[in-house]
């Protein structure tokens, strides 16, 4: 696996029965209906239905508006999850069991993946079973979580394993989406640094049917344009979870798609120029990297 951190660069209607607890529309089942792909979203509260609660919302709830009748969106993100816990709880596996050849998968995780595993943690104490093993390769950490011994892997290993499975099952591609920023105006002046979990060339990049979308950087650019007053007012809970207005980061994600080369971009109904008017231009990295 090739891994490249990108800290210096400026740097998805659903199948209701696929995953329990999801309130979503089902695609047509008539044999005469054109086959429409599903875009499966795997992520945490910043993507998930209901966001972090308390008046917040996940960006994944708005993605369907950018695809119209070209695709269904199944938002299978879940609050409080990391690559480790999403894997351990079988959430990647449930998407794999429900998806069909010709579908797309978007993975956006990272906000709960930091730190290091703490031995003896439970679902409510310690690292809550979320922290990945530090490293960028095949490093492992052995800990006891909920009284069970767990071999904890690195963030890229979890993402690569899930990606390999989705591609082997016929996914057109897997989009690795950079995590959203925290409030870029929190300090009183604009400040943004791409996540530690920004990376590129997973499974060989486009040649391996994987693409990077710099969602965090595009969202940060949009928040810069909105200004401190608007942005601050739309973080009602903390500096991570956004109100519905700002949760429409799907436009920032879609701009990243349109500026890149992923085949998922071909299904977007928005015109690039229209998105750029409110979210800013394509970022420089798009000019140099085949994302």
Protein backbone atom coordinates (compact mmCIF):
# COMPACT_ATOMS: atom_id res chain seq x y z
CA UNK A 1 0.00 0.00 0.00
CA UNK A 2 1.33 3.39 -0.96
CA UNK A 3 0.55 6.22 1.40
CA UNK A 4 1.25 9.89 0.98
CA UNK A 5 0.25 12.55 3.48
CA UNK A 6 -0.95 15.79 1.90
CA UNK A 7 -0.51 18.35 4.67
CA UNK A 8 1.08 20.90 2.39
CA UNK A 9 -1.63 20.95 -0.30
CA UNK A 10 -4.87 22.91 -0.35
CA UNK A 11 -6.20 20.36 -0.61
CA UNK A 12 -21.93 10.93 -1.61
CA UNK A 13 -32.54 7.66 -2.88
CA UNK A 14 -31.41 4.82 -0.70
CA UNK A 15 -32.21 1.15 -0.16
CA UNK A 16 -34.32 1.30 2.99
CA UNK A 17 -33.86 -2.34 3.97
CA UNK A 18 -30.12 -2.43 3.43
CA UNK A 19 -29.15 -1.29 6.90
CA UNK A 20 -31.35 -1.37 10.01
CA UNK A 21 -32.45 1.93 11.45
CA UNK A 22 -32.14 3.89 8.23
CA UNK A 23 -35.03 6.10 7.11
CA UNK A 24 -34.51 6.32 3.37
CA UNK A 25 -36.34 6.04 0.06
CA UNK A 26 -36.06 2.86 -1.96
CA UNK A 27 -35.03 2.72 -5.61
CA UNK A 28 -37.53 1.40 -8.14
CA UNK A 29 -37.68 -2.38 -8.44
CA UNK A 30 -39.54 -2.72 -11.73
CA UNK A 31 -37.61 -4.69 -14.33
CA UNK A 32 -38.53 -2.01 -16.87
CA UNK A 33 -36.91 0.74 -14.82
CA UNK A 34 -33.44 1.89 -15.72
CA UNK A 35 -30.86 0.55 -13.29
CA UNK A 36 -29.71 3.41 -11.08
CA UNK A 37 -26.59 3.09 -8.94
CA UNK A 38 -26.50 3.68 -5.22
CA UNK A 39 -23.91 5.88 -3.56
CA UNK A 40 -23.13 4.36 -0.16
CA UNK A 41 -21.81 6.69 2.54
CA UNK A 42 -19.64 5.37 5.36
CA UNK A 43 -18.71 7.92 7.99
CA UNK A 44 -19.23 9.49 11.40
CA UNK A 45 -21.57 12.13 12.85
CA UNK A 46 -20.38 14.87 10.51
CA UNK A 47 -21.88 12.80 7.66
CA UNK A 48 -24.65 10.87 9.44
CA UNK A 49 -28.41 11.50 9.65
CA UNK A 50 -29.00 13.76 12.64
CA UNK A 51 -25.36 14.76 12.83
CA UNK A 52 -24.28 15.01 16.45
CA UNK A 53 -27.92 15.77 17.46
CA UNK A 54 -28.83 18.95 19.37
CA UNK A 55 -29.82 20.78 16.20
CA UNK A 56 -26.95 19.59 14.03
CA UNK A 57 -27.01 17.60 10.79
CA UNK A 58 -24.65 15.51 8.67
CA UNK A 59 -23.61 16.65 5.19
CA UNK A 60 -24.57 13.27 3.73
CA UNK A 61 -28.24 14.14 4.12
CA UNK A 62 -27.93 16.74 1.37
CA UNK A 63 -25.92 14.81 -1.19
CA UNK A 64 -28.97 13.41 -3.01
CA UNK A 65 -29.83 16.88 -4.30
CA UNK A 66 -26.64 16.93 -6.34
CA UNK A 67 -27.45 13.69 -8.17
CA UNK A 68 -31.17 14.03 -8.95
CA UNK A 69 -32.43 10.90 -10.74
CA UNK A 70 -28.91 9.75 -11.63
CA UNK A 71 -28.23 7.93 -8.35
CA UNK A 72 -29.68 7.02 -4.98
CA UNK A 73 -27.82 7.93 -1.80
CA UNK A 74 -27.73 5.55 1.17
CA UNK A 75 -26.35 7.44 4.14
CA UNK A 76 -24.96 4.64 6.31
CA UNK A 77 -22.73 6.91 8.37
CA UNK A 78 -23.15 6.62 12.14
CA UNK A 79 -22.29 9.05 14.91
CA UNK A 80 -19.25 8.44 17.07
CA UNK A 81 -17.57 5.97 14.74
CA UNK A 82 -14.00 5.68 13.59
CA UNK A 83 -12.43 3.43 10.96
CA UNK A 84 -11.72 0.96 13.77
CA UNK A 85 -15.21 0.87 15.29
CA UNK A 86 -16.93 1.01 11.88
CA UNK A 87 -14.96 -2.12 11.03
CA UNK A 88 -15.39 -3.90 14.36
CA UNK A 89 -19.17 -3.33 14.39
CA UNK A 90 -19.53 -4.79 10.90
CA UNK A 91 -20.76 -1.57 9.30
CA UNK A 92 -18.47 -1.86 6.29
CA UNK A 93 -19.57 -5.50 5.96
CA UNK A 94 -23.26 -4.54 5.94
CA UNK A 95 -22.68 -2.07 3.14
CA UNK A 96 -20.78 -4.76 1.23
CA UNK A 97 -23.63 -7.24 1.71
CA UNK A 98 -26.23 -4.76 0.41
CA UNK A 99 -24.36 -3.10 -2.45
CA UNK A 100 -24.52 -4.28 -6.05
CA UNK A 101 -22.07 -4.09 -8.96
CA UNK A 102 -22.13 -0.61 -10.45
CA UNK A 103 -22.57 1.16 -7.11
CA UNK A 104 -20.23 3.74 -5.59
CA UNK A 105 -18.87 4.01 -2.05
CA UNK A 106 -17.72 7.15 -0.27
CA UNK A 107 -15.71 6.78 2.94
CA UNK A 108 -15.19 9.78 5.19
CA UNK A 109 -13.78 9.05 8.64
CA UNK A 110 -11.08 10.55 10.82
CA UNK A 111 -12.52 12.83 13.49
CA UNK A 112 -12.74 9.96 16.00
CA UNK A 113 -9.61 8.10 14.91
CA UNK A 114 -6.91 10.08 16.69
CA UNK A 115 -4.86 9.22 19.73
CA UNK A 116 -3.84 5.66 20.54
CA UNK A 117 -5.76 2.61 21.78
CA UNK A 118 -6.07 2.46 25.56
CA UNK A 119 -5.94 -0.97 27.16
CA UNK A 120 -9.02 -1.78 29.22
CA UNK A 121 -11.30 0.71 27.49
CA UNK A 122 -15.02 0.11 27.19
CA UNK A 123 -17.69 1.63 24.95
CA UNK A 124 -18.02 4.49 27.46
CA UNK A 125 -14.54 4.79 28.98
CA UNK A 126 -10.99 5.29 27.80
CA UNK A 127 -10.73 5.68 24.03
CA UNK A 128 -14.23 4.11 23.70
CA UNK A 129 -12.81 1.62 21.21
CA UNK A 130 -12.27 4.26 18.55
CA UNK A 131 -8.57 5.15 18.40
CA UNK A 132 -6.58 3.42 15.67
CA UNK A 133 -3.08 2.06 16.09
CA UNK A 134 -0.65 4.88 15.28
CA UNK A 135 1.20 4.52 12.00
CA UNK A 136 0.82 4.63 8.26
CA UNK A 137 1.46 1.00 7.39
CA UNK A 138 0.78 -2.46 8.86
CA UNK A 139 1.47 -1.60 12.49
CA UNK A 140 -0.84 -3.25 15.05
CA UNK A 141 -1.66 -2.64 18.72
CA UNK A 142 -3.04 -5.34 21.02
CA UNK A 143 -5.47 -4.10 23.68
CA UNK A 144 -8.42 -5.33 25.70
CA UNK A 145 -11.67 -3.56 24.75
CA UNK A 146 -14.96 -4.44 26.48
CA UNK A 147 -13.09 -7.32 28.12
CA UNK A 148 -12.16 -8.80 24.71
CA UNK A 149 -8.67 -8.84 23.23
CA UNK A 150 -8.58 -6.76 20.05
CA UNK A 151 -5.83 -6.43 17.44
CA UNK A 152 -6.07 -2.77 16.45
CA UNK A 153 -4.82 -1.72 13.02
CA UNK A 154 -3.87 1.62 11.50
CA UNK A 155 -6.32 4.01 9.88
CA UNK A 156 -5.09 3.35 6.31
CA UNK A 157 -5.19 -0.42 6.87
CA UNK A 158 -8.86 -0.29 7.89
CA UNK A 159 -9.70 1.93 4.92
CA UNK A 160 -7.71 -0.19 2.47
CA UNK A 161 -9.33 -3.43 3.66
CA UNK A 162 -12.84 -1.99 3.22
CA UNK A 163 -11.94 -0.48 -0.14
CA UNK A 164 -10.57 -3.76 -1.47
CA UNK A 165 -13.81 -5.52 -0.51
CA UNK A 166 -16.05 -2.93 -2.20
CA UNK A 167 -14.03 -2.99 -5.40
CA UNK A 168 -13.97 -6.81 -5.45
CA UNK A 169 -17.78 -6.74 -5.27
CA UNK A 170 -18.05 -4.54 -8.35
CA UNK A 171 -18.03 -0.98 -7.05
CA UNK A 172 -17.29 1.42 -9.89
CA UNK A 173 -14.90 3.17 -7.54
CA UNK A 174 -14.37 4.11 -3.92
CA UNK A 175 -14.06 7.77 -3.01
CA UNK A 176 -11.83 8.48 -0.02
CA UNK A 177 -13.14 11.79 1.32
CA UNK A 178 -11.03 14.05 3.51
CA UNK A 179 -12.72 14.73 6.85
CA UNK A 180 -14.48 18.04 7.42
CA UNK A 181 -12.73 20.83 9.31
CA UNK A 182 -13.64 22.09 12.72
CA UNK A 183 -14.76 25.73 12.86
CA UNK A 184 -12.11 27.54 10.82
CA UNK A 185 -13.01 30.85 12.52
CA UNK A 186 -12.89 29.54 16.10
CA UNK A 187 -9.76 31.49 16.99
CA UNK A 188 -11.22 34.75 15.71
CA UNK A 189 -9.30 34.64 12.45
CA UNK A 190 -9.38 32.13 9.61
CA UNK A 191 -7.19 29.08 10.18
CA UNK A 192 -7.20 25.67 8.50
CA UNK A 193 -4.77 22.78 8.26
CA UNK A 194 -5.67 19.54 6.41
CA UNK A 195 -6.29 16.52 8.61
CA UNK A 196 -3.51 14.16 9.64
CA UNK A 197 -5.64 11.51 7.92
CA UNK A 198 -5.34 13.11 4.48
CA UNK A 199 -3.69 10.68 2.11
CA UNK A 200 -3.44 9.64 -1.49
CA UNK A 201 -2.66 6.68 -3.76
CA UNK A 202 -4.58 4.05 -1.81
CA UNK A 203 -4.50 0.85 -3.89
CA UNK A 204 -2.67 2.75 -6.62
CA UNK A 205 -5.13 5.63 -6.87
CA UNK A 206 -7.32 5.84 -9.99
CA UNK A 207 -5.62 2.78 -11.48
CA UNK A 208 -6.98 0.85 -8.49
CA UNK A 209 -10.43 2.51 -8.74
CA UNK A 210 -9.82 4.74 -5.72
CA UNK A 211 -10.01 8.52 -5.69
CA UNK A 212 -9.37 11.26 -3.15
CA UNK A 213 -11.74 14.20 -2.68
CA UNK A 214 -10.33 17.00 -0.55
CA UNK A 215 -13.65 17.58 1.18
CA UNK A 216 -12.15 19.25 4.22
CA UNK A 217 -10.17 21.74 2.19
CA UNK A 218 -13.14 22.60 -0.04
CA UNK A 219 -15.38 23.03 3.02
CA UNK A 220 -12.78 25.24 4.69
CA UNK A 221 -12.62 27.37 1.56
CA UNK A 222 -16.42 27.73 1.60
CA UNK A 223 -16.39 28.72 5.27
CA UNK A 224 -13.74 31.32 4.58
CA UNK A 225 -16.01 32.89 1.97
CA UNK A 226 -18.99 32.84 4.35
CA UNK A 227 -17.10 34.70 7.06
CA UNK A 228 -16.79 34.36 10.83
CA UNK A 229 -20.25 35.59 11.84
CA UNK A 230 -22.17 33.15 9.65
CA UNK A 231 -19.89 30.23 10.37
CA UNK A 232 -19.82 30.73 14.15
CA UNK A 233 -23.64 30.91 14.22
CA UNK A 234 -23.87 27.54 12.51
CA UNK A 235 -21.81 25.55 14.99
CA UNK A 236 -24.55 25.41 17.69
CA UNK A 237 -23.18 22.46 19.67
CA UNK A 238 -19.39 22.60 19.50
CA UNK A 239 -16.69 23.31 16.93
CA UNK A 240 -17.24 20.04 15.04
CA UNK A 241 -20.97 19.57 14.39
CA UNK A 242 -22.81 21.96 12.10
CA UNK A 243 -26.37 23.27 11.89
CA UNK A 244 -28.36 22.28 8.76
CA UNK A 245 -27.36 25.44 6.86
CA UNK A 246 -23.65 24.79 7.19
CA UNK A 247 -24.14 21.02 7.01
CA UNK A 248 -24.77 21.44 3.32
CA UNK A 249 -21.08 20.72 2.90
CA UNK A 250 -22.23 18.27 0.20
CA UNK A 251 -21.80 21.17 -2.19
CA UNK A 252 -18.15 21.38 -1.16
CA UNK A 253 -17.80 17.63 -1.64
CA UNK A 254 -19.46 17.84 -5.05
CA UNK A 255 -17.14 20.66 -6.09
CA UNK A 256 -14.23 18.38 -5.20
CA UNK A 257 -15.76 15.69 -7.38
CA UNK A 258 -16.30 18.06 -10.30
CA UNK A 259 -12.75 19.35 -10.06
CA UNK A 260 -11.31 15.81 -10.07
CA UNK A 261 -11.45 12.79 -12.34
CA UNK A 262 -13.65 10.30 -10.47
CA UNK A 263 -16.37 8.68 -12.64
CA UNK A 264 -18.85 9.63 -9.92
CA UNK A 265 -18.49 13.22 -11.09
CA UNK A 266 -20.25 12.28 -14.33
CA UNK A 267 -23.52 11.73 -12.41
CA UNK A 268 -23.56 15.14 -10.74
CA UNK A 269 -26.37 17.42 -11.95
CA UNK A 270 -24.82 20.66 -10.65
CA UNK A 271 -22.81 22.83 -12.98
CA UNK A 272 -19.28 23.43 -11.73
CA UNK A 273 -19.59 27.17 -12.27
CA UNK A 274 -22.72 27.34 -10.11
CA UNK A 275 -21.01 25.59 -7.20
CA UNK A 276 -17.88 27.68 -7.56
CA UNK A 277 -19.94 30.85 -7.21
CA UNK A 278 -20.65 30.05 -3.56
CA UNK A 279 -17.98 27.50 -2.62
CA UNK A 280 -14.91 28.88 -4.37
CA UNK A 281 -12.76 27.59 -7.24
CA UNK A 282 -11.08 24.26 -7.87
CA UNK A 283 -8.06 23.94 -5.59
CA UNK A 284 -4.48 23.88 -6.90
CA UNK A 285 -3.92 20.25 -5.95
CA UNK A 286 -6.51 19.27 -8.54
CA UNK A 287 -4.23 20.67 -11.21
CA UNK A 288 -1.34 18.40 -10.23
CA UNK A 289 -2.80 15.23 -8.78
CA UNK A 290 -4.98 12.72 -10.67
CA UNK A 291 -7.49 12.50 -7.84
